[in-house]
Every structure is written in structure tokens, then in C-alpha cells.
Amino acid sequence: MATEATQAPSQPAAYLPAAVAAPTAGVKKPAMFSIFLAHISVDMQTSSLTVLLPLLLASLGLNYSLAALIVSVNNLVIAVAQPLFGIVGDRKPMRWLMFAGAVLCGTAMVSVTLLPSYGLVLAAVVLSGLGSAAFHPEGLAAVRAVSGDKPASGTSFFFFGGNLGFALGPFLSTLLIATYGTPGALGMIVPTALATAMLFLQRHAFGARAHLAGGRLPGETQATNVRRAFWLVVFLLALIAVRSLILSGLQTFIPLYFTGYSDLSKESIGAMVSVLIFSGAFGTLLGGPISERIGRRNTMCIAMVIVLIALFTFLRTAGLLQLIAIGIAGAFITMPWPISVVMVQEAMPNNIGLAGGLTLGLAYGASGLGVGLLGGLADVAGLPTVMMLITLLPILVFFMSLFVPERPGFRRASGSRH
């Protein structure tokens, strides 16, 4: 204790609220795996909605605007409701929201193809969005509770499950519909049922909502620390927003750009997007463990340098090298994502649910708004300009990452070796 006290003043740039996770126990692997499976099932349902749109278009006689509105409503509900569920959960532990959220998200989404009117379809996607929004903050808090002294690794595993679910949802729903027709979409409830059952079996491992141990910098008042923590959260959320825009911009504009400015087949262009999505899923899995070895700031800065090089290579090559380049870019774009979430949680030690809801909701909101703005720019300046802007955005993220505060435990550990 005395050693830590004497070292603290020598770290003027220490994490602003000086908050670190209190538990030091090991990871509860079965409980972690059950949350992982539940996250896969929830995000599979959300991503499968795009595959259901053509069915709804035909069965309900919709135009493109009404069809697109279905997805927009779902995303908007998720973005707005997640912070609200986080606030509610911070006031009173509500682990049951993980179970209820996963079940509601799945059952509401699979009912979409059975509903006879557009209004009922909108109601179903609203309910599904609320289920997703209810699951994520409590899921993140539960991950924190079962991750022991490796919260970044646990969060990485959690986000890997979500990204894997987003990638698998359209594939599985397409396969079911192609095999069994429209009723095959009902088969999407099976992953929800299995994951929820696994989650229920591990319910005793999650405990109450874990709060992080908060502190203050030497010589600073509580009010000063609150202000510092507030501006740190604002900064981290801005960082998340810009980085989310890079990924969502690539997913949106790669098909448009290469359709208009190359002679590549639809299959080749689709392969690029698939590689980007799947590599992004694996990138989130790596971010936490790497940051616990080399530090958060180093991980985030190095990742953005690699993304910048990979995107320039992607736009100037063809064939296998181009696919490899976009795969590398996807993995390193998402690598810092779980690290950012953990830092926001640490900056809000008594509001873990709100922290999770803000970060996840912001990613949805920033992606939707940012892509809309990029679309407007494309109308004015052209798609090549938009692709170049997306390629250059990692430079902004790199310089922002230079100001990311390091984890206190990492600073002390590295400092003790000198």
C-alpha cells in the first residue's frame, strides 16, 4: 500500500478517476461462455432482419422506403434504449434482463414473417430492438463480474460473440429460407433457445451488478474528478464514434464504389465485405489480451497505423492481396473497440450499465448518422472522395489515441521494472 501511495504522484497523467476493477479472482469460464453464446444469438437476430426484408417487400407490397424504415426503426430503438436500460440497471441490479432481453429479441424477430400488416411488423422490430437493448448493458456488466482481473479480455470475448452473431445471422437465415421456404425463418429461434438455456444454467455465477472501485487523484477534490471523468467519457465516446464510422463506411461504400469504378463481379465485391465483417469479429477477440500485454495506448495507436497502411493497399491492389488487405484492416479497426468500452466503464465506476449502454448505443447512432453524411458527400464530391476520406480517418483516430490514458495497473507494473 505504501509503495503504491508513493508512486501515485509520479504519474500525473494517471487514469482520471483512478478507477480499476476490484476483483482479482480468475475468469469464470462456463459463465463467460454462456454470455458469449447469448450475445451471438441476440446479434444474429438483429442482423437477420436484412434477409427478411425481401420477404416482407413481397408479402406486404412495400416500397423501398417503407422496407428501409423497418431496419432504421430497429437500429434507432437499440441506440436510444440501451443507455436507458443501463441507467435502470445501475439503480437496481437486474440480471434477469439478460434472459428476458435475449428471449424477447429472438421471439419478436422470428415472428416478423408471420405478421399480416406493416404496423405489426414495426411493432415486432421495436420489441426485438428493446430486447437487444435490454440484453447488452446487463451482459456487459455480467462479463465484468465473471472476468476476474482480466476485464479487457472478457470484454473482447463478449464483443467477439456479438460480431460473430452479426456475421452468422444473414448466412443462417438465408440457408433456412432457401431450404424450407419462408417458414424456415422460424428456425432462427433455435439458437436463442439454446443460448438462453445455457445462460439460465449459469445464472448463479453472475451475482449482483459489480461496481468498480473509484478513487481520486492526490490533492484533487471530488468535483474536479467528476469533471475530469466527464470529459474523459466524452473524449472516449468521440473516439468510438469516429472508429465506428470507418467500419460502417467501408461496409456501406465498398459495394457502391467497386460496382461503379471497377469491373469486379458481385461475388468478388461481396467477398470483400464478408472478409471485412469476419476479420472484424476476430479483431475484437484480440484487442483485450494484447492491451493487457503492451498497454492500451500502444495497442490503439499501432492498430490505426496498420489500418491506414492496409486501406491504402486495399485501394491500390487487386485479387488475393486486396482481400488480405481488407481483412487486416477489418481486424485492426475493431481491435481497440473492447478496450474503449472498458475505459468508459472505469471512468464511470458506479454506472457500469450506463457506460455499456452509451458505448453500444453510440456505435449504432454514429454509424447511421455518419454513413448518411458520407452519402451526402458522395452525391456532391463522388465516391472516390468518400473512399479516400474513409482511408484517411485512421490518422485522426491515431492522434486521438495518443491521449488515451493508460490502465493504472499497467503503468505501475511497467514502472516497477525500471
Protein backbone atom coordinates (compact mmCIF):
# COMPACT_ATOMS: atom_id res chain seq x y z
CA MET A 1 0.00 0.00 0.00
CA ALA A 2 2.73 2.42 0.93
CA THR A 3 4.56 1.62 -2.27
CA GLU A 4 1.53 2.48 -4.38
CA ALA A 5 0.98 5.70 -2.49
CA THR A 6 4.50 6.90 -3.13
CA GLN A 7 4.28 6.04 -6.79
CA ALA A 8 0.99 7.83 -7.44
CA PRO A 9 2.32 11.43 -7.56
CA SER A 10 4.88 10.41 -10.17
CA GLN A 11 2.01 9.56 -12.53
CA PRO A 12 0.41 12.96 -13.27
CA ALA A 13 -1.44 11.59 -16.28
CA ALA A 14 -2.89 8.58 -14.44
CA TYR A 15 -6.36 7.42 -15.27
CA LEU A 16 -8.52 10.38 -14.34
CA PRO A 17 -10.92 8.74 -11.88
CA ALA A 18 -8.21 6.29 -10.85
CA ALA A 19 -10.73 3.51 -11.18
CA VAL A 20 -9.73 -0.10 -11.56
CA ALA A 21 -11.62 -3.34 -11.26
CA ALA A 22 -11.78 -4.55 -7.71
CA PRO A 23 -11.95 -8.33 -8.20
CA THR A 24 -8.77 -10.33 -8.60
CA ALA A 25 -10.29 -13.78 -8.94
CA GLY A 26 -9.89 -15.84 -12.08
CA VAL A 27 -12.28 -15.90 -15.01
CA LYS A 28 -15.46 -17.97 -14.57
CA LYS A 29 -15.24 -19.69 -17.93
CA PRO A 30 -18.62 -21.52 -18.10
CA ALA A 31 -20.46 -18.32 -17.15
CA MET A 32 -18.43 -16.31 -19.64
CA PHE A 33 -19.17 -18.83 -22.39
CA SER A 34 -22.91 -18.69 -21.67
CA ILE A 35 -22.92 -14.89 -22.08
CA PHE A 36 -20.87 -15.33 -25.25
CA LEU A 37 -23.47 -17.69 -26.73
CA ALA A 38 -26.32 -15.42 -25.70
CA HIS A 39 -24.63 -12.44 -27.36
CA ILE A 40 -24.22 -14.46 -30.56
CA SER A 41 -27.93 -15.33 -30.55
CA VAL A 42 -29.09 -11.75 -29.90
CA ASP A 43 -27.00 -10.16 -32.63
CA MET A 44 -27.85 -12.97 -35.05
CA GLN A 45 -31.49 -11.94 -34.75
CA THR A 46 -30.72 -8.27 -35.39
CA SER A 47 -28.55 -8.92 -38.44
CA SER A 48 -31.04 -11.42 -39.93
CA LEU A 49 -33.55 -8.61 -40.42
CA THR A 50 -31.90 -7.54 -43.67
CA VAL A 51 -32.51 -11.02 -45.13
CA LEU A 52 -36.18 -10.85 -44.14
CA LEU A 53 -36.76 -7.56 -45.97
CA PRO A 54 -37.27 -9.09 -49.46
CA LEU A 55 -39.89 -11.43 -47.99
CA LEU A 56 -41.70 -8.51 -46.35
CA LEU A 57 -41.38 -6.46 -49.52
CA ALA A 58 -43.25 -9.15 -51.45
CA SER A 59 -45.79 -10.25 -48.84
CA LEU A 60 -46.83 -6.75 -47.71
CA GLY A 61 -46.35 -4.92 -51.00
CA LEU A 62 -43.88 -2.40 -49.55
CA ASN A 63 -41.81 0.18 -51.38
CA TYR A 64 -38.09 0.56 -50.66
CA SER A 65 -38.58 3.46 -48.27
CA LEU A 66 -41.00 1.53 -46.07
CA ALA A 67 -38.75 -1.53 -46.15
CA ALA A 68 -35.69 0.52 -45.15
CA LEU A 69 -37.69 2.14 -42.36
CA ILE A 70 -38.06 -1.27 -40.70
CA VAL A 71 -34.28 -1.53 -40.27
CA SER A 72 -33.97 2.13 -39.27
CA VAL A 73 -36.59 1.74 -36.53
CA ASN A 74 -34.85 -1.34 -35.17
CA ASN A 75 -31.45 0.40 -35.04
CA LEU A 76 -32.89 3.58 -33.55
CA VAL A 77 -34.66 1.71 -30.77
CA ILE A 78 -31.46 -0.15 -29.91
CA ALA A 79 -29.37 3.04 -29.93
CA VAL A 80 -31.74 5.03 -27.72
CA ALA A 81 -32.89 2.30 -25.35
CA GLN A 82 -29.50 0.82 -24.42
CA PRO A 83 -28.36 3.78 -22.27
CA LEU A 84 -31.81 3.89 -20.64
CA PHE A 85 -31.63 0.23 -19.68
CA GLY A 86 -28.12 0.88 -18.40
CA ILE A 87 -29.37 3.66 -16.11
CA VAL A 88 -32.17 1.45 -14.77
CA GLY A 89 -29.75 -1.41 -14.13
CA ASP A 90 -27.32 0.86 -12.29
CA ARG A 91 -30.05 1.83 -9.85
CA LYS A 92 -31.05 -1.77 -9.16
CA PRO A 93 -29.31 -4.98 -10.28
CA MET A 94 -31.43 -6.59 -12.98
CA ARG A 95 -29.55 -9.62 -14.27
CA TRP A 96 -32.86 -11.14 -15.38
CA LEU A 97 -32.84 -8.59 -18.21
CA MET A 98 -30.19 -10.72 -19.93
CA PHE A 99 -32.59 -13.65 -20.13
CA ALA A 100 -35.69 -11.59 -20.90
CA GLY A 101 -33.84 -9.47 -23.45
CA ALA A 102 -32.47 -12.46 -25.35
CA VAL A 103 -35.87 -14.20 -25.44
CA LEU A 104 -37.76 -11.03 -26.45
CA CYS A 105 -35.23 -10.18 -29.18
CA GLY A 106 -35.46 -13.68 -30.68
CA THR A 107 -39.18 -14.35 -30.45
CA ALA A 108 -40.16 -10.90 -31.74
CA MET A 109 -37.80 -11.13 -34.71
CA VAL A 110 -38.83 -14.61 -35.85
CA SER A 111 -42.48 -13.53 -35.70
CA VAL A 112 -41.89 -10.85 -38.34
CA THR A 113 -42.60 -13.12 -41.34
CA LEU A 114 -45.88 -14.30 -39.78
CA LEU A 115 -47.44 -10.89 -39.22
CA PRO A 116 -50.19 -9.71 -41.58
CA SER A 117 -49.66 -5.93 -41.53
CA TYR A 118 -46.86 -3.36 -41.75
CA GLY A 119 -47.83 -1.82 -38.41
CA LEU A 120 -47.46 -5.15 -36.62
CA VAL A 121 -44.08 -5.73 -38.29
CA LEU A 122 -42.88 -2.36 -37.00
CA ALA A 123 -44.17 -3.25 -33.53
CA ALA A 124 -42.28 -6.56 -33.67
CA VAL A 125 -38.96 -4.95 -34.66
CA VAL A 126 -39.44 -2.38 -31.89
CA LEU A 127 -39.88 -5.20 -29.37
CA SER A 128 -36.90 -7.05 -30.80
CA GLY A 129 -34.82 -3.87 -30.54
CA LEU A 130 -35.91 -3.40 -26.93
CA GLY A 131 -34.86 -6.99 -26.21
CA SER A 132 -31.43 -6.37 -27.70
CA ALA A 133 -31.13 -3.09 -25.81
CA ALA A 134 -32.05 -4.79 -22.54
CA PHE A 135 -29.55 -7.61 -23.02
CA HIS A 136 -26.39 -5.65 -23.85
CA PRO A 137 -25.82 -3.42 -20.77
CA GLU A 138 -26.57 -6.27 -18.36
CA GLY A 139 -24.50 -8.64 -20.48
CA LEU A 140 -21.52 -6.30 -20.32
CA ALA A 141 -21.95 -5.89 -16.56
CA ALA A 142 -22.14 -9.67 -16.13
CA VAL A 143 -18.98 -10.08 -18.18
CA ARG A 144 -17.30 -7.62 -15.84
CA ALA A 145 -18.43 -9.70 -12.86
CA VAL A 146 -17.08 -13.01 -14.21
CA SER A 147 -13.87 -11.72 -15.84
CA GLY A 148 -11.84 -11.54 -12.64
CA ASP A 149 -8.70 -9.50 -13.12
CA LYS A 150 -8.90 -9.64 -16.95
CA PRO A 151 -11.79 -7.31 -17.81
CA ALA A 152 -10.36 -6.29 -21.20
CA SER A 153 -10.01 -9.92 -22.30
CA GLY A 154 -13.52 -10.70 -21.07
CA THR A 155 -14.95 -7.71 -22.91
CA SER A 156 -13.08 -8.75 -26.06
CA PHE A 157 -14.66 -12.20 -25.88
CA PHE A 158 -18.10 -10.63 -25.38
CA PHE A 159 -17.74 -8.41 -28.45
CA PHE A 160 -16.33 -11.27 -30.49
CA GLY A 161 -19.58 -13.11 -29.82
CA GLY A 162 -21.64 -10.14 -30.98
CA ASN A 163 -19.66 -9.64 -34.17
CA LEU A 164 -19.78 -13.36 -34.88
CA GLY A 165 -23.54 -13.23 -34.44
CA PHE A 166 -23.83 -10.31 -36.86
CA ALA A 167 -21.81 -12.24 -39.43
CA LEU A 168 -23.68 -15.53 -38.99
CA GLY A 169 -27.24 -14.12 -38.82
CA PRO A 170 -27.74 -13.38 -42.54
CA PHE A 171 -25.96 -16.61 -43.52
CA LEU A 172 -28.07 -18.88 -41.29
CA SER A 173 -31.39 -17.18 -42.05
CA THR A 174 -30.67 -17.31 -45.80
CA LEU A 175 -29.84 -21.01 -45.52
CA LEU A 176 -33.02 -21.77 -43.58
CA ILE A 177 -35.24 -19.83 -46.00
CA ALA A 178 -33.57 -21.39 -49.07
CA THR A 179 -34.08 -24.87 -47.61
CA TYR A 180 -37.54 -24.62 -46.05
CA GLY A 181 -39.07 -21.51 -47.63
CA THR A 182 -40.42 -18.60 -45.62
CA PRO A 183 -41.39 -20.84 -42.64
CA GLY A 184 -37.71 -21.71 -42.34
CA ALA A 185 -37.10 -18.29 -40.78
CA LEU A 186 -38.75 -19.66 -37.64
CA GLY A 187 -35.71 -21.89 -37.19
CA MET A 188 -33.79 -18.82 -36.01
CA ILE A 189 -35.44 -19.29 -32.63
CA VAL A 190 -33.32 -22.42 -32.02
CA PRO A 191 -30.05 -20.52 -31.30
CA THR A 192 -31.99 -18.23 -28.96
CA ALA A 193 -33.48 -21.17 -27.05
CA LEU A 194 -30.15 -22.99 -26.70
CA ALA A 195 -28.22 -19.88 -25.65
CA THR A 196 -30.86 -18.81 -23.14
CA ALA A 197 -30.93 -22.28 -21.60
CA MET A 198 -27.14 -22.17 -21.18
CA LEU A 199 -27.40 -18.70 -19.68
CA PHE A 200 -30.05 -19.89 -17.21
CA LEU A 201 -27.90 -22.81 -16.06
CA GLN A 202 -25.11 -20.36 -15.16
CA ARG A 203 -27.38 -17.78 -13.51
CA HIS A 204 -25.85 -18.18 -10.04
CA ALA A 205 -22.39 -17.23 -11.31
CA PHE A 206 -23.33 -13.71 -12.38
CA GLY A 207 -24.12 -12.25 -8.97
CA ALA A 208 -25.24 -8.67 -8.50
CA ARG A 209 -24.03 -5.83 -10.65
CA ALA A 210 -20.34 -5.27 -10.00
CA HIS A 211 -19.20 -1.73 -9.25
CA LEU A 212 -15.67 -0.66 -9.87
CA ALA A 213 -13.54 0.76 -7.10
CA GLY A 214 -13.39 4.50 -7.69
CA GLY A 215 -10.79 6.88 -6.33
CA ARG A 216 -9.37 10.32 -6.86
CA LEU A 217 -6.04 11.77 -7.81
CA PRO A 218 -3.86 13.07 -4.94
CA GLY A 219 -4.74 16.63 -3.97
CA GLU A 220 -7.88 16.79 -6.14
CA THR A 221 -11.46 17.33 -4.98
CA GLN A 222 -14.35 15.04 -5.81
CA ALA A 223 -15.85 17.75 -8.04
CA THR A 224 -12.60 18.02 -10.01
CA ASN A 225 -12.51 14.27 -10.53
CA VAL A 226 -16.13 14.23 -11.68
CA ARG A 227 -15.36 16.92 -14.27
CA ARG A 228 -12.26 15.07 -15.44
CA ALA A 229 -14.20 11.80 -15.70
CA PHE A 230 -16.99 13.54 -17.65
CA TRP A 231 -14.64 14.97 -20.25
CA LEU A 232 -12.77 11.69 -20.46
CA VAL A 233 -16.03 9.88 -21.26
CA VAL A 234 -16.88 12.50 -23.90
CA PHE A 235 -13.43 12.04 -25.45
CA LEU A 236 -13.68 8.23 -25.46
CA LEU A 237 -17.17 8.32 -26.97
CA ALA A 238 -15.90 10.62 -29.73
CA LEU A 239 -13.08 8.14 -30.37
CA ILE A 240 -15.57 5.27 -30.58
CA ALA A 241 -17.79 7.27 -32.95
CA VAL A 242 -15.00 8.03 -35.44
CA ARG A 243 -13.69 4.48 -35.37
CA SER A 244 -17.22 3.07 -35.85
CA LEU A 245 -17.65 5.35 -38.85
CA ILE A 246 -14.58 3.83 -40.53
CA LEU A 247 -16.02 0.32 -40.33
CA SER A 248 -19.61 1.20 -41.21
CA GLY A 249 -18.37 3.46 -44.03
CA LEU A 250 -16.37 0.62 -45.54
CA GLN A 251 -19.28 -1.84 -45.26
CA THR A 252 -21.61 0.64 -46.96
CA PHE A 253 -19.42 2.15 -49.67
CA ILE A 254 -17.21 -0.75 -50.77
CA PRO A 255 -20.11 -2.30 -52.79
CA LEU A 256 -21.09 1.08 -54.25
CA TYR A 257 -17.54 2.11 -55.11
CA PHE A 258 -16.40 -1.12 -56.75
CA THR A 259 -19.67 -1.55 -58.61
CA GLY A 260 -19.24 1.85 -60.21
CA TYR A 261 -15.47 2.08 -60.57
CA SER A 262 -14.32 -1.46 -61.34
CA ASP A 263 -15.28 -4.46 -63.43
CA LEU A 264 -15.36 -6.82 -60.44
CA SER A 265 -18.22 -9.30 -60.20
CA LYS A 266 -20.87 -9.06 -57.49
CA GLU A 267 -19.41 -12.19 -55.95
CA SER A 268 -15.95 -10.62 -55.67
CA ILE A 269 -17.34 -7.45 -54.14
CA GLY A 270 -19.43 -9.48 -51.72
CA ALA A 271 -16.33 -11.43 -50.73
CA MET A 272 -14.63 -8.17 -49.75
CA VAL A 273 -17.48 -7.23 -47.42
CA SER A 274 -17.62 -10.75 -45.95
CA VAL A 275 -13.88 -10.75 -45.25
CA LEU A 276 -14.20 -7.31 -43.64
CA ILE A 277 -17.03 -8.46 -41.34
CA PHE A 278 -15.45 -11.76 -40.27
CA SER A 279 -11.98 -10.29 -39.75
CA GLY A 280 -13.59 -7.53 -37.68
CA ALA A 281 -15.12 -10.17 -35.43
CA PHE A 282 -11.73 -11.74 -34.75
CA GLY A 283 -10.17 -8.32 -34.20
CA THR A 284 -12.36 -7.70 -31.16
CA LEU A 285 -11.21 -11.03 -29.73
CA LEU A 286 -7.56 -9.93 -29.86
CA GLY A 287 -7.80 -6.36 -28.59
CA GLY A 288 -8.22 -7.04 -24.88
CA PRO A 289 -5.45 -9.63 -24.40
CA ILE A 290 -2.97 -7.57 -26.46
CA SER A 291 -3.72 -4.40 -24.49
CA GLU A 292 -3.09 -6.26 -21.24
CA ARG A 293 0.40 -7.08 -22.51
CA ILE A 294 1.59 -3.93 -24.28
CA GLY A 295 -0.80 -1.28 -22.92
CA ARG A 296 -3.96 0.33 -24.18
CA ARG A 297 -2.46 3.38 -25.83
CA ASN A 298 0.16 1.33 -27.69
CA THR A 299 -2.47 -1.14 -28.90
CA MET A 300 -4.79 1.56 -30.21
CA CYS A 301 -2.07 3.62 -31.91
CA ILE A 302 -0.38 0.65 -33.56
CA ALA A 303 -3.77 -0.64 -34.74
CA MET A 304 -4.55 2.63 -36.53
CA VAL A 305 -1.17 2.74 -38.28
CA ILE A 306 -1.79 -0.78 -39.59
CA VAL A 307 -5.35 0.16 -40.67
CA LEU A 308 -4.04 3.18 -42.60
CA ILE A 309 -1.45 1.10 -44.47
CA ALA A 310 -3.93 -1.72 -45.12
CA LEU A 311 -6.61 0.59 -46.55
CA PHE A 312 -4.16 2.31 -48.91
CA THR A 313 -3.03 -1.15 -50.04
CA PHE A 314 -6.64 -2.26 -50.46
CA LEU A 315 -7.49 0.60 -52.83
CA ARG A 316 -4.37 0.14 -54.94
CA THR A 317 -4.20 -3.63 -55.42
CA ALA A 318 -6.37 -6.42 -56.78
CA GLY A 319 -7.06 -10.10 -56.25
CA LEU A 320 -5.82 -12.01 -53.23
CA LEU A 321 -3.63 -9.17 -51.96
CA GLN A 322 -6.66 -6.87 -51.93
CA LEU A 323 -8.67 -9.39 -49.89
CA ILE A 324 -5.80 -9.81 -47.44
CA ALA A 325 -5.50 -6.04 -47.08
CA ILE A 326 -9.20 -5.51 -46.28
CA GLY A 327 -9.07 -8.45 -43.86
CA ILE A 328 -6.15 -6.88 -41.99
CA ALA A 329 -7.92 -3.51 -41.97
CA GLY A 330 -11.11 -5.06 -40.56
CA ALA A 331 -9.30 -6.86 -37.76
CA PHE A 332 -7.32 -3.82 -36.62
CA ILE A 333 -10.26 -1.39 -36.91
CA THR A 334 -12.21 -3.38 -34.32
CA MET A 335 -9.26 -4.36 -32.12
CA PRO A 336 -9.46 -1.20 -29.93
CA TRP A 337 -13.26 -1.44 -29.53
CA PRO A 338 -13.44 -3.54 -26.32
CA ILE A 339 -10.58 -1.52 -24.82
CA SER A 340 -12.57 1.68 -25.28
CA VAL A 341 -15.62 0.14 -23.61
CA VAL A 342 -13.59 -0.97 -20.58
CA MET A 343 -12.12 2.54 -20.25
CA VAL A 344 -15.58 4.15 -20.31
CA GLN A 345 -16.69 1.67 -17.63
CA GLU A 346 -13.70 2.59 -15.49
CA ALA A 347 -14.42 6.29 -15.92
CA MET A 348 -17.98 5.63 -14.69
CA PRO A 349 -17.30 3.14 -11.86
CA ASN A 350 -20.75 3.44 -10.30
CA ASN A 351 -22.62 3.44 -13.61
CA ILE A 352 -21.38 0.35 -15.42
CA GLY A 353 -24.71 -0.26 -17.12
CA LEU A 354 -24.96 3.30 -18.41
CA ALA A 355 -21.36 3.08 -19.62
CA GLY A 356 -22.13 -0.06 -21.61
CA GLY A 357 -25.36 1.38 -22.97
CA LEU A 358 -23.69 4.62 -24.05
CA THR A 359 -20.84 2.91 -25.88
CA LEU A 360 -23.02 0.36 -27.64
CA GLY A 361 -25.81 2.80 -28.42
CA LEU A 362 -23.37 5.38 -29.72
CA ALA A 363 -21.86 2.86 -32.14
CA TYR A 364 -25.30 2.32 -33.71
CA GLY A 365 -26.11 6.03 -33.76
CA ALA A 366 -22.73 7.22 -35.06
CA SER A 367 -22.72 4.60 -37.79
CA GLY A 368 -26.17 5.56 -39.03
CA LEU A 369 -25.61 9.33 -38.91
CA GLY A 370 -22.06 9.17 -40.24
CA VAL A 371 -22.95 6.99 -43.20
CA GLY A 372 -25.76 9.38 -44.05
CA LEU A 373 -23.34 12.32 -44.06
CA LEU A 374 -20.86 10.36 -46.19
CA GLY A 375 -23.68 9.58 -48.61
CA GLY A 376 -24.39 13.30 -48.94
CA LEU A 377 -20.69 13.92 -49.59
CA ALA A 378 -20.72 11.19 -52.26
CA ASP A 379 -23.56 12.96 -54.06
CA VAL A 380 -21.54 16.20 -54.11
CA ALA A 381 -17.92 15.06 -54.46
CA GLY A 382 -18.17 11.48 -55.73
CA LEU A 383 -17.47 8.02 -54.32
CA PRO A 384 -13.66 8.17 -54.79
CA THR A 385 -13.55 11.19 -52.47
CA VAL A 386 -15.58 9.36 -49.85
CA MET A 387 -13.35 6.29 -50.03
CA MET A 388 -10.24 8.45 -49.67
CA LEU A 389 -11.77 10.22 -46.64
CA ILE A 390 -12.55 6.87 -45.01
CA THR A 391 -8.99 5.76 -45.74
CA LEU A 392 -7.57 8.88 -44.05
CA LEU A 393 -9.80 8.74 -40.94
CA PRO A 394 -7.37 6.37 -39.14
CA ILE A 395 -4.92 9.29 -38.99
CA LEU A 396 -7.43 11.24 -36.87
CA VAL A 397 -8.05 8.21 -34.65
CA PHE A 398 -4.28 7.71 -34.25
CA PHE A 399 -3.73 11.24 -32.94
CA MET A 400 -6.75 10.95 -30.67
CA SER A 401 -5.40 7.65 -29.34
CA LEU A 402 -2.16 9.36 -28.27
CA PHE A 403 -4.17 10.99 -25.48
CA VAL A 404 -5.77 7.78 -24.24
CA PRO A 405 -4.97 7.32 -20.51
CA GLU A 406 -3.20 4.10 -19.65
CA ARG A 407 -4.51 1.50 -17.25
CA PRO A 408 -3.09 2.29 -13.77
CA GLY A 409 -2.14 -1.32 -13.05
CA PHE A 410 -0.21 -1.48 -16.33
CA ARG A 411 1.63 1.76 -15.53
CA ARG A 412 2.62 0.53 -12.08
CA ALA A 413 3.66 -2.85 -13.39
CA SER A 414 5.79 -1.35 -16.15
CA GLY A 415 7.16 1.26 -13.81
CA SER A 416 8.26 -1.37 -11.30
CA ARG A 417 10.65 -2.85 -13.85
CA HIS A 418 12.68 0.32 -14.13
